[in-house]
Protein backbone atom coordinates (compact mmCIF):
# COMPACT_ATOMS: atom_id res chain seq x y z
CA MET A 1 195.57 149.72 262.71
CA HIS A 2 196.69 148.81 266.22
CA ALA A 3 199.76 146.65 266.75
CA ARG A 4 197.73 143.60 267.81
CA SER A 5 195.42 143.90 264.81
CA ARG A 6 198.40 144.38 262.53
CA LEU A 7 200.09 141.22 263.83
CA SER A 8 196.82 139.30 263.57
CA HIS A 9 196.41 140.42 259.98
CA ILE A 10 199.99 139.42 259.14
CA TRP A 11 199.45 135.98 260.66
CA GLN A 12 196.25 135.49 258.62
CA GLU A 13 198.12 136.45 255.46
CA ILE A 14 200.91 133.97 256.26
CA LEU A 15 198.40 131.16 256.75
CA CYS A 16 196.70 132.21 253.54
CA HIS A 17 199.93 131.57 251.63
CA LEU A 18 200.27 127.94 252.76
CA PRO A 19 198.40 126.34 249.82
CA PHE A 20 200.38 128.36 247.28
CA THR A 21 203.63 127.44 248.98
CA ALA A 22 202.78 123.72 249.02
CA ALA A 23 201.89 123.87 245.33
CA GLY A 24 205.12 125.74 244.60
CA ALA A 25 207.21 123.19 246.51
CA SER A 26 205.53 120.38 244.55
CA ALA A 27 206.33 122.20 241.30
CA GLY A 28 209.92 122.48 242.49
CA ILE A 29 210.16 118.72 242.99
CA ILE A 30 208.86 118.15 239.46
CA PHE A 31 211.38 120.71 238.21
CA MET A 32 214.24 118.88 239.93
CA LEU A 33 213.16 115.47 238.59
CA ILE A 34 213.08 116.86 235.05
CA PHE A 35 216.48 118.56 235.24
CA LYS A 36 218.30 116.29 237.69
CA ASP A 37 220.81 115.12 235.04
CA ILE A 38 221.65 118.44 233.37
CA GLY A 39 224.87 119.00 235.35
CA GLY A 40 226.23 121.70 237.60
CA ASP A 41 227.00 124.30 234.94
CA ALA A 42 223.49 124.21 233.47
CA SER A 43 221.96 124.32 236.97
CA ARG A 44 224.05 127.36 237.78
CA ALA A 45 222.90 129.02 234.56
CA MET A 46 219.27 128.45 235.57
CA PHE A 47 219.98 129.88 239.01
CA SER A 48 221.49 132.95 237.32
CA VAL A 49 218.16 133.47 235.55
CA PHE A 50 215.58 132.62 238.20
CA HIS A 51 217.30 134.31 241.14
CA PRO A 52 217.50 137.80 239.59
CA LEU A 53 213.93 137.41 238.33
CA HIS A 54 212.87 136.52 241.87
CA VAL A 55 214.64 139.65 243.11
CA VAL A 56 212.71 141.81 240.62
CA LEU A 57 209.35 140.37 241.72
CA SER A 58 210.21 140.64 245.42
CA ALA A 59 211.30 144.26 245.02
CA MET A 60 208.07 145.07 243.21
CA VAL A 61 205.85 143.50 245.86
CA THR A 62 207.76 144.77 248.89
CA THR A 63 208.05 148.33 247.62
CA SER A 64 204.48 148.44 246.31
CA LEU A 65 202.97 147.34 249.61
CA PHE A 66 205.09 149.86 251.45
CA ALA A 67 204.19 152.62 249.00
CA LEU A 68 200.47 151.94 249.30
CA HIS A 69 200.55 152.06 253.10
CA THR A 70 202.69 155.11 253.77
CA ARG A 71 201.98 158.81 253.32
CA LYS A 72 205.58 159.86 252.68
CA LYS A 73 207.35 159.22 249.40
CA ASN A 74 211.05 159.23 250.21
CA VAL A 75 213.45 157.78 247.64
CA ILE A 76 216.06 156.65 250.19
CA THR A 77 213.45 154.88 252.32
CA TYR A 78 211.98 153.16 249.28
CA LEU A 79 215.42 151.98 248.19
CA LEU A 80 216.26 150.61 251.63
CA ILE A 81 212.93 148.85 252.10
CA GLY A 82 212.87 147.52 248.55
CA TYR A 83 216.50 146.39 248.49
CA VAL A 84 216.60 144.64 251.87
CA GLY A 85 213.15 143.17 251.32
CA SER A 86 214.12 141.75 247.94
CA VAL A 87 217.85 140.99 247.80
CA GLY A 88 218.08 140.08 251.48
CA VAL A 89 215.00 137.90 251.54
CA ALA A 90 215.59 136.35 248.09
CA THR A 91 219.12 135.41 249.16
CA ILE A 92 217.74 133.64 252.23
CA SER A 93 215.07 131.91 250.15
CA ASP A 94 217.11 130.94 247.10
CA SER A 95 220.54 130.31 248.65
CA VAL A 96 220.82 130.18 252.43
CA ILE A 97 217.92 127.86 253.28
CA PRO A 98 218.61 125.49 250.34
CA PHE A 99 222.28 125.35 251.34
CA ILE A 100 221.38 124.52 254.95
CA GLY A 101 219.03 121.83 253.65
CA GLU A 102 221.76 120.44 251.41
CA GLU A 103 224.16 120.20 254.35
CA VAL A 104 221.58 118.60 256.66
CA MET A 105 220.53 116.03 254.06
CA GLY A 106 224.13 115.42 252.97
CA ILE A 107 223.24 115.64 249.29
CA SER A 108 226.27 117.83 248.53
CA VAL A 109 228.72 115.37 250.12
CA PRO A 110 230.68 113.32 247.54
CA THR A 111 229.70 109.69 247.25
CA GLU A 112 231.93 106.92 248.55
CA SER A 113 232.99 106.05 245.00
CA ALA A 114 233.99 109.66 244.36
CA GLN A 115 235.97 109.74 247.60
CA HIS A 116 237.66 106.44 246.64
CA GLU A 117 238.55 107.75 243.20
CA LEU A 118 239.92 110.95 244.71
CA MET A 119 242.05 109.03 247.21
CA HIS A 120 243.16 106.65 244.47
CA GLY A 121 244.16 109.62 242.34
CA HIS A 122 246.32 111.01 245.15
CA GLU A 123 247.98 107.64 245.60
CA GLU A 124 248.75 107.46 241.90
CA GLY A 125 250.15 110.96 242.11
CA HIS A 126 252.68 109.85 244.67
CA ASP A 127 253.52 106.75 242.63
CA HIS A 128 253.87 108.55 239.30
CA GLY A 129 255.64 111.73 240.26
CA GLY A 130 252.57 113.95 240.56
CA GLN A 131 250.63 112.73 237.51
CA GLY A 132 247.56 112.28 239.70
CA HIS A 133 247.66 115.93 240.66
CA GLU A 134 247.89 116.90 237.00
CA LEU A 135 244.94 114.70 236.13
CA HIS A 136 242.93 116.19 238.99
CA SER A 137 243.73 119.72 237.84
CA GLU A 138 242.77 118.85 234.28
CA SER A 139 239.44 117.41 235.40
CA CYS A 140 238.67 120.60 237.33
CA GLU A 141 239.38 122.68 234.24
CA HIS A 142 236.88 120.61 232.29
CA GLY A 143 234.11 121.08 234.82
CA ASP A 144 234.53 118.01 237.01
CA HIS A 145 233.81 119.37 240.47
CA SER A 146 233.21 116.16 242.41
CA GLY A 147 232.65 117.07 246.02
CA GLY A 148 232.68 120.82 245.28
CA HIS A 149 229.76 122.64 246.81
CA GLY A 150 229.04 125.88 248.53
CA LEU A 151 226.73 128.76 249.26
CA HIS A 152 226.06 130.78 246.11
CA LEU A 153 225.31 134.45 246.87
CA GLY A 154 223.96 136.13 243.78
CA PHE A 155 224.27 139.73 244.98
CA ILE A 156 228.04 139.14 245.42
CA GLU A 157 228.92 136.61 242.72
CA GLU A 158 226.69 138.26 240.10
CA TRP A 159 226.31 141.71 241.62
CA TYR A 160 226.06 143.31 238.17
CA ILE A 161 222.80 141.38 237.54
CA VAL A 162 221.13 140.92 240.93
CA ASN A 163 221.54 144.45 242.31
CA PRO A 164 220.22 146.17 239.15
CA ALA A 165 217.34 143.68 239.23
CA ALA A 166 216.40 144.99 242.67
CA VAL A 167 216.59 148.60 241.46
CA LEU A 168 214.36 147.70 238.50
CA GLY A 169 211.71 146.20 240.78
CA ILE A 170 211.83 149.24 243.07
CA ALA A 171 211.51 151.60 240.11
CA ILE A 172 208.46 149.73 238.79
CA ALA A 173 206.83 149.94 242.23
CA TRP A 174 207.72 153.65 242.51
CA PHE A 175 205.92 154.56 239.28
CA LEU A 176 203.27 151.82 239.29
CA PRO A 177 202.62 150.89 242.94
CA ARG A 178 199.29 149.25 242.07
CA SER A 179 200.72 146.96 239.42
CA ARG A 180 199.51 143.39 239.86
CA PHE A 181 200.76 140.00 238.85
CA PRO A 182 199.75 136.47 239.88
CA HIS A 183 201.19 135.66 243.28
CA ALA A 184 201.61 132.09 242.06
CA LEU A 185 204.22 133.40 239.62
CA HIS A 186 206.30 134.78 242.49
CA ILE A 187 206.06 131.47 244.31
CA LEU A 188 206.98 129.51 241.18
CA ILE A 189 210.03 131.62 240.31
CA SER A 190 211.26 131.48 243.91
CA THR A 191 210.85 127.69 243.96
CA TRP A 192 212.75 127.27 240.70
CA ALA A 193 215.62 129.41 242.00
CA SER A 194 215.84 127.35 245.20
CA SER A 195 215.62 124.12 243.20
CA ALA A 196 218.41 125.24 240.86
CA HIS A 197 220.64 125.95 243.87
CA MET A 198 220.10 122.44 245.21
CA LEU A 199 220.69 120.90 241.78
CA MET A 200 224.02 122.73 241.57
CA ASN A 201 225.22 121.03 244.72
CA THR A 202 223.51 117.64 244.57
CA GLN A 203 226.07 114.89 244.03
CA ILE A 204 224.23 111.79 245.18
CA GLU A 205 221.35 109.81 243.74
CA ILE A 206 217.96 111.39 244.42
CA THR A 207 215.91 108.84 246.33
CA SER A 208 212.34 109.04 247.65
CA LEU A 209 213.64 110.04 251.08
CA ILE A 210 215.82 112.75 249.53
CA LEU A 211 212.81 114.03 247.56
CA PHE A 212 210.77 114.28 250.76
CA GLY A 213 213.56 116.26 252.39
CA MET A 214 213.84 118.50 249.33
CA PHE A 215 210.10 119.18 249.44
CA PHE A 216 210.38 120.26 253.07
CA VAL A 217 213.38 122.49 252.29
CA LEU A 218 211.60 124.07 249.32
CA PHE A 219 208.48 124.66 251.40
CA ILE A 220 210.44 126.51 254.09
CA ALA A 221 212.63 128.27 251.51
CA VAL A 222 209.58 129.76 249.81
CA TRP A 223 207.05 130.20 252.61
CA VAL A 224 209.04 132.03 255.28
CA PRO A 225 211.12 134.46 253.19
CA CYS A 226 208.43 135.25 250.61
CA CYS A 227 205.89 135.98 253.33
CA ILE A 228 208.45 138.23 255.00
CA SER A 229 209.13 139.99 251.72
CA ASP A 230 205.53 140.27 250.52
CA ILE A 231 203.72 140.87 253.80
CA VAL A 232 205.60 141.18 257.08
CA PHE A 233 208.47 143.46 256.06
CA PRO A 234 206.54 146.23 254.26
CA LEU A 235 203.52 146.20 256.58
CA LEU A 236 205.63 146.45 259.73
CA PHE A 237 207.35 149.57 258.41
CA ALA A 238 204.28 151.16 256.85
CA ARG A 239 202.27 153.82 258.62
CA GLY A 240 198.57 154.50 258.63
CA ASP A 241 195.57 152.23 258.25
CA ILE A 242 195.91 148.96 256.38
CA ASP A 243 193.22 147.35 254.30
CA VAL A 244 194.64 144.32 252.50
CA SER A 245 192.30 141.65 251.16
CA CYS A 246 193.76 138.22 250.58
CA ARG A 247 192.12 136.39 247.68
CA CYS A 248 193.17 132.87 248.55
CA GLY A 249 190.51 130.97 246.71
CA GLY A 250 191.13 132.05 243.13
CA PRO A 251 193.81 131.11 240.63
CA ARG A 252 195.24 134.63 240.67
CA HIS A 253 196.32 135.57 244.16
CA HIS A 254 196.93 139.25 244.64
CA HIS A 255 196.55 141.90 247.29
CA GLU A 256 194.02 144.68 246.88
CA GLU A 257 195.28 147.60 248.84
CA LYS A 258 193.56 150.80 249.85
CA GLN A 259 195.92 153.67 250.40
CA ALA A 260 195.80 155.34 253.79
CA GLY A 261 193.56 158.37 253.80
CA GLU A 262 191.39 157.32 250.82
CA GLN A 263 188.46 156.25 252.95
């Protein structure tokens, strides 16, 4: 396939994913409304489940597409393509883009009442010989992280889970490159991971305007990185002819690949 045809095919695949991404973002909003009051620790626990699972699925898809469109079977190349295409892209999708959205929307900024209480606590600390500082330290030990937020990088903070998850996905694709699963599942898991990241950092009331912004963030967080992981990344590095059919109309979206040289 020529470069122009390859790029045209990639663009068609990206457009094909739009309905699934919109549905996934909507599911993410429902997810956040259901779990909006569970607290930061529980949200972090959900992120620790959905993010590694997203990495496994991304590694499977990325490595499988690459395997089915290349004549050479090199372990190092597979590991590089699978790891960067899964951990790298999943980190962008689940952490980086949600964090940027959180900062732009200001949902991770402490409320005025929290700021007032914090300032009042400091004033009391000066008046009572540092008791305010002790109370603040005690509240932190018991999980009160008002105003605390940040970028959560799974492959660093939980390297012992996320990195093996990538290796597992690559191994599955190595032995079973034609394994299939509903593409909607990949979208859903990715959306839940991104939603959990935003729930970890959200410290203001979720209004209709905030929900609209969250929908937009979730849409971008899923659409761009997942398309890069599932389509752009492996097909740009693959060699040979490409025959990938996109079944956009059915409930189970998957790619039917024909390995180069089988025609």
